[in-house]
């Protein structure tokens, strides 16, 4: 099993009782601009809705409230392995 850690606060929270501190969670942010463009019969909002707003997903740290864009490079750098799995 693996997870993604916050680059700002993961080292500071290591060793804490709550092992989930500093782990990033996926949320959908309305502030994110997506790549969709409105077409002749559909709007950009309709296209986003059709894909369940996947284009608006970001990673958020519940400790420091930082948001991160999901890219392959970022995921590769921040991927950690659970000690249990």
N, C-alpha and C. Protein backbone atom coordinates (compact mmCIF):
# COMPACT_ATOMS: atom_id res chain seq x y z
N UNK A 1 0.85 -1.18 0.00
CA UNK A 1 0.00 0.00 0.00
C UNK A 1 0.89 1.24 0.00
N UNK A 2 0.45 2.29 -0.67
CA UNK A 2 1.24 3.51 -0.72
C UNK A 2 0.34 4.73 -0.51
N UNK A 3 0.99 5.87 -0.32
CA UNK A 3 0.29 7.13 -0.15
C UNK A 3 1.21 8.24 -0.64
N UNK A 4 0.69 9.46 -0.69
CA UNK A 4 1.48 10.62 -1.11
C UNK A 4 1.61 11.57 0.07
N UNK A 5 2.82 12.08 0.27
CA UNK A 5 3.08 12.93 1.44
C UNK A 5 3.25 14.38 1.04
N UNK A 6 2.97 15.27 1.97
CA UNK A 6 3.13 16.71 1.76
C UNK A 6 4.62 17.04 1.80
N UNK A 7 5.14 17.74 0.79
CA UNK A 7 6.57 18.09 0.80
C UNK A 7 6.93 19.12 1.87
N UNK A 8 5.94 19.85 2.39
CA UNK A 8 6.21 20.89 3.38
C UNK A 8 6.22 20.37 4.81
N UNK A 9 5.33 19.45 5.13
CA UNK A 9 5.21 19.09 6.54
C UNK A 9 5.38 17.60 6.83
N UNK A 10 5.71 16.78 5.86
CA UNK A 10 5.85 15.35 6.13
C UNK A 10 6.99 15.09 7.10
N UNK A 11 8.15 15.69 6.93
CA UNK A 11 9.28 15.45 7.82
C UNK A 11 9.01 15.94 9.23
N UNK A 12 8.22 16.98 9.37
CA UNK A 12 7.91 17.54 10.68
C UNK A 12 6.92 16.66 11.44
N UNK A 13 6.07 15.91 10.73
CA UNK A 13 5.04 15.12 11.39
C UNK A 13 5.44 13.66 11.57
N UNK A 14 6.57 13.25 11.03
CA UNK A 14 7.02 11.87 11.19
C UNK A 14 7.28 11.60 12.67
N UNK A 15 6.78 10.48 13.14
CA UNK A 15 6.94 10.13 14.54
C UNK A 15 5.78 10.56 15.41
N UNK A 16 4.84 11.30 14.85
CA UNK A 16 3.66 11.72 15.62
C UNK A 16 2.76 10.52 15.85
N UNK A 17 1.87 10.63 16.82
CA UNK A 17 0.93 9.55 17.10
C UNK A 17 -0.03 9.31 15.94
N UNK A 18 -0.52 10.38 15.36
CA UNK A 18 -1.44 10.27 14.23
C UNK A 18 -0.63 10.04 12.97
N UNK A 19 -0.62 8.81 12.48
CA UNK A 19 0.21 8.46 11.32
C UNK A 19 -0.30 9.06 10.03
N UNK A 20 -1.50 9.64 10.03
CA UNK A 20 -2.07 10.22 8.82
C UNK A 20 -1.71 11.69 8.64
N UNK A 21 -1.02 12.29 9.60
CA UNK A 21 -0.61 13.68 9.46
C UNK A 21 0.36 13.82 8.30
N UNK A 22 0.14 14.80 7.46
CA UNK A 22 1.04 15.04 6.34
C UNK A 22 0.74 14.21 5.10
N UNK A 23 -0.30 13.38 5.16
CA UNK A 23 -0.69 12.61 3.98
C UNK A 23 -1.66 13.44 3.15
N UNK A 24 -1.43 13.44 1.87
CA UNK A 24 -2.26 14.24 0.96
C UNK A 24 -3.55 13.51 0.62
N UNK A 25 -4.62 14.29 0.50
CA UNK A 25 -5.91 13.74 0.11
C UNK A 25 -6.36 14.40 -1.19
N UNK A 26 -7.10 13.66 -1.99
CA UNK A 26 -7.59 14.17 -3.27
C UNK A 26 -8.91 14.89 -3.03
N UNK A 27 -9.00 16.15 -3.49
CA UNK A 27 -10.23 16.91 -3.42
C UNK A 27 -10.50 17.54 -4.79
N UNK A 28 -11.70 18.03 -4.97
CA UNK A 28 -12.05 18.75 -6.20
C UNK A 28 -12.18 20.23 -5.85
N UNK A 29 -11.38 21.05 -6.51
CA UNK A 29 -11.33 22.47 -6.22
C UNK A 29 -11.99 23.27 -7.33
N UNK A 30 -12.91 24.13 -6.96
CA UNK A 30 -13.63 24.96 -7.94
C UNK A 30 -12.72 26.04 -8.52
N UNK A 31 -11.64 26.39 -7.83
CA UNK A 31 -10.76 27.46 -8.29
C UNK A 31 -9.83 27.03 -9.43
N UNK A 32 -9.73 25.75 -9.66
CA UNK A 32 -8.81 25.24 -10.69
C UNK A 32 -9.39 25.46 -12.08
N UNK A 33 -8.58 26.03 -12.96
CA UNK A 33 -8.99 26.19 -14.36
C UNK A 33 -8.67 24.89 -15.08
N UNK A 34 -9.62 24.42 -15.87
CA UNK A 34 -9.41 23.16 -16.56
C UNK A 34 -9.16 23.39 -18.05
N UNK A 35 -8.90 22.30 -18.75
CA UNK A 35 -8.57 22.35 -20.17
C UNK A 35 -9.80 22.32 -21.07
N UNK A 36 -10.98 22.13 -20.51
CA UNK A 36 -12.19 22.03 -21.32
C UNK A 36 -12.57 23.37 -21.97
N UNK A 37 -13.07 23.27 -23.17
CA UNK A 37 -13.56 24.45 -23.87
C UNK A 37 -15.00 24.17 -24.28
N UNK A 38 -15.79 25.18 -24.28
CA UNK A 38 -17.18 25.02 -24.69
C UNK A 38 -17.28 24.72 -26.17
N UNK A 39 -18.21 23.86 -26.51
CA UNK A 39 -18.43 23.51 -27.90
C UNK A 39 -19.68 24.18 -28.43
N UNK A 40 -20.13 23.71 -29.55
CA UNK A 40 -21.31 24.28 -30.19
C UNK A 40 -22.57 23.99 -29.38
N UNK A 41 -22.68 22.76 -28.85
CA UNK A 41 -23.88 22.38 -28.13
C UNK A 41 -23.67 22.15 -26.64
N UNK A 42 -22.41 22.20 -26.19
CA UNK A 42 -22.13 21.99 -24.76
C UNK A 42 -21.18 23.07 -24.26
N UNK A 43 -21.29 23.34 -22.99
CA UNK A 43 -20.39 24.31 -22.37
C UNK A 43 -19.23 23.57 -21.71
N UNK A 44 -18.22 24.30 -21.31
CA UNK A 44 -17.07 23.70 -20.62
C UNK A 44 -17.54 23.05 -19.32
N UNK A 45 -18.48 23.69 -18.64
CA UNK A 45 -19.03 23.15 -17.39
C UNK A 45 -19.71 21.80 -17.63
N UNK A 46 -20.43 21.67 -18.73
CA UNK A 46 -21.09 20.40 -19.06
C UNK A 46 -20.06 19.29 -19.29
N UNK A 47 -18.97 19.63 -19.94
CA UNK A 47 -17.92 18.64 -20.20
C UNK A 47 -17.25 18.21 -18.89
N UNK A 48 -17.02 19.15 -18.00
CA UNK A 48 -16.44 18.83 -16.69
C UNK A 48 -17.39 17.91 -15.91
N UNK A 49 -18.66 18.25 -15.93
CA UNK A 49 -19.66 17.47 -15.21
C UNK A 49 -19.73 16.05 -15.75
N UNK A 50 -19.61 15.92 -17.06
CA UNK A 50 -19.67 14.62 -17.71
C UNK A 50 -18.54 13.71 -17.22
N UNK A 51 -17.38 14.30 -16.95
CA UNK A 51 -16.22 13.55 -16.46
C UNK A 51 -16.12 13.57 -14.93
N UNK A 52 -17.21 13.94 -14.26
CA UNK A 52 -17.28 14.00 -12.80
C UNK A 52 -16.21 14.93 -12.21
N UNK A 53 -15.92 16.02 -12.92
CA UNK A 53 -14.99 17.07 -12.47
C UNK A 53 -13.60 16.53 -12.16
N UNK A 54 -13.17 15.48 -12.85
CA UNK A 54 -11.83 14.92 -12.65
C UNK A 54 -10.75 15.95 -12.96
N UNK A 55 -11.05 16.87 -13.87
CA UNK A 55 -10.08 17.91 -14.24
C UNK A 55 -9.84 18.92 -13.10
N UNK A 56 -10.68 18.91 -12.10
CA UNK A 56 -10.56 19.86 -10.98
C UNK A 56 -9.92 19.22 -9.74
N UNK A 57 -9.43 17.99 -9.87
CA UNK A 57 -8.84 17.31 -8.73
C UNK A 57 -7.45 17.84 -8.42
N UNK A 58 -7.20 18.05 -7.14
CA UNK A 58 -5.89 18.45 -6.62
C UNK A 58 -5.61 17.65 -5.36
N UNK A 59 -4.37 17.65 -4.93
CA UNK A 59 -4.00 17.04 -3.66
C UNK A 59 -3.93 18.13 -2.62
N UNK A 60 -4.49 17.88 -1.44
CA UNK A 60 -4.48 18.87 -0.37
C UNK A 60 -3.91 18.25 0.89
N UNK A 61 -3.11 19.04 1.59
CA UNK A 61 -2.57 18.61 2.87
C UNK A 61 -3.48 19.14 3.99
N UNK A 62 -4.05 18.26 4.81
CA UNK A 62 -4.92 18.72 5.89
C UNK A 62 -4.17 19.41 7.04
N UNK A 63 -2.86 19.28 7.07
CA UNK A 63 -2.06 19.89 8.14
C UNK A 63 -1.77 21.35 7.83
N UNK A 64 -1.20 21.61 6.63
CA UNK A 64 -0.79 22.98 6.30
C UNK A 64 -1.70 23.65 5.26
N UNK A 65 -2.75 22.99 4.84
CA UNK A 65 -3.73 23.50 3.87
C UNK A 65 -3.10 23.90 2.54
N UNK A 66 -2.03 23.23 2.15
CA UNK A 66 -1.40 23.49 0.84
C UNK A 66 -2.08 22.63 -0.22
N UNK A 67 -2.15 23.15 -1.44
CA UNK A 67 -2.75 22.45 -2.57
C UNK A 67 -1.66 22.16 -3.60
N UNK A 68 -1.75 20.98 -4.23
CA UNK A 68 -0.76 20.58 -5.21
C UNK A 68 -1.45 20.04 -6.45
N UNK A 69 -0.97 20.46 -7.61
CA UNK A 69 -1.49 19.95 -8.87
C UNK A 69 -1.00 18.52 -9.05
N UNK A 70 -1.87 17.66 -9.53
CA UNK A 70 -1.52 16.26 -9.71
C UNK A 70 -0.79 16.08 -11.04
N UNK A 71 0.51 15.83 -10.94
CA UNK A 71 1.33 15.55 -12.13
C UNK A 71 2.10 14.25 -11.86
N UNK A 72 2.52 13.59 -12.92
CA UNK A 72 3.28 12.35 -12.76
C UNK A 72 4.56 12.57 -11.98
N UNK A 73 5.25 13.68 -12.24
CA UNK A 73 6.51 13.98 -11.56
C UNK A 73 6.28 14.19 -10.06
N UNK A 74 5.25 14.96 -9.70
CA UNK A 74 4.95 15.22 -8.29
C UNK A 74 4.59 13.91 -7.58
N UNK A 75 3.75 13.09 -8.20
CA UNK A 75 3.35 11.83 -7.59
C UNK A 75 4.55 10.91 -7.39
N UNK A 76 5.45 10.90 -8.34
CA UNK A 76 6.64 10.06 -8.24
C UNK A 76 7.53 10.50 -7.07
N UNK A 77 7.67 11.82 -6.90
CA UNK A 77 8.52 12.35 -5.83
C UNK A 77 7.92 12.15 -4.45
N UNK A 78 6.61 12.24 -4.34
CA UNK A 78 5.96 12.22 -3.03
C UNK A 78 5.38 10.87 -2.62
N UNK A 79 5.57 9.86 -3.44
CA UNK A 79 5.02 8.53 -3.14
C UNK A 79 5.80 7.89 -2.01
N UNK A 80 5.09 7.44 -1.00
CA UNK A 80 5.68 6.77 0.16
C UNK A 80 4.99 5.42 0.34
N UNK A 81 5.67 4.51 0.99
CA UNK A 81 5.11 3.19 1.22
C UNK A 81 4.68 3.08 2.68
N UNK A 82 3.47 2.50 2.88
CA UNK A 82 3.00 2.23 4.24
C UNK A 82 3.88 1.20 4.89
N UNK A 83 4.12 1.36 6.18
CA UNK A 83 4.90 0.36 6.90
C UNK A 83 4.11 -0.94 7.09
N UNK A 84 2.77 -0.80 7.11
CA UNK A 84 1.92 -1.98 7.32
C UNK A 84 1.84 -2.85 6.08
N UNK A 85 1.89 -2.23 4.90
CA UNK A 85 1.65 -3.00 3.67
C UNK A 85 2.81 -2.98 2.83
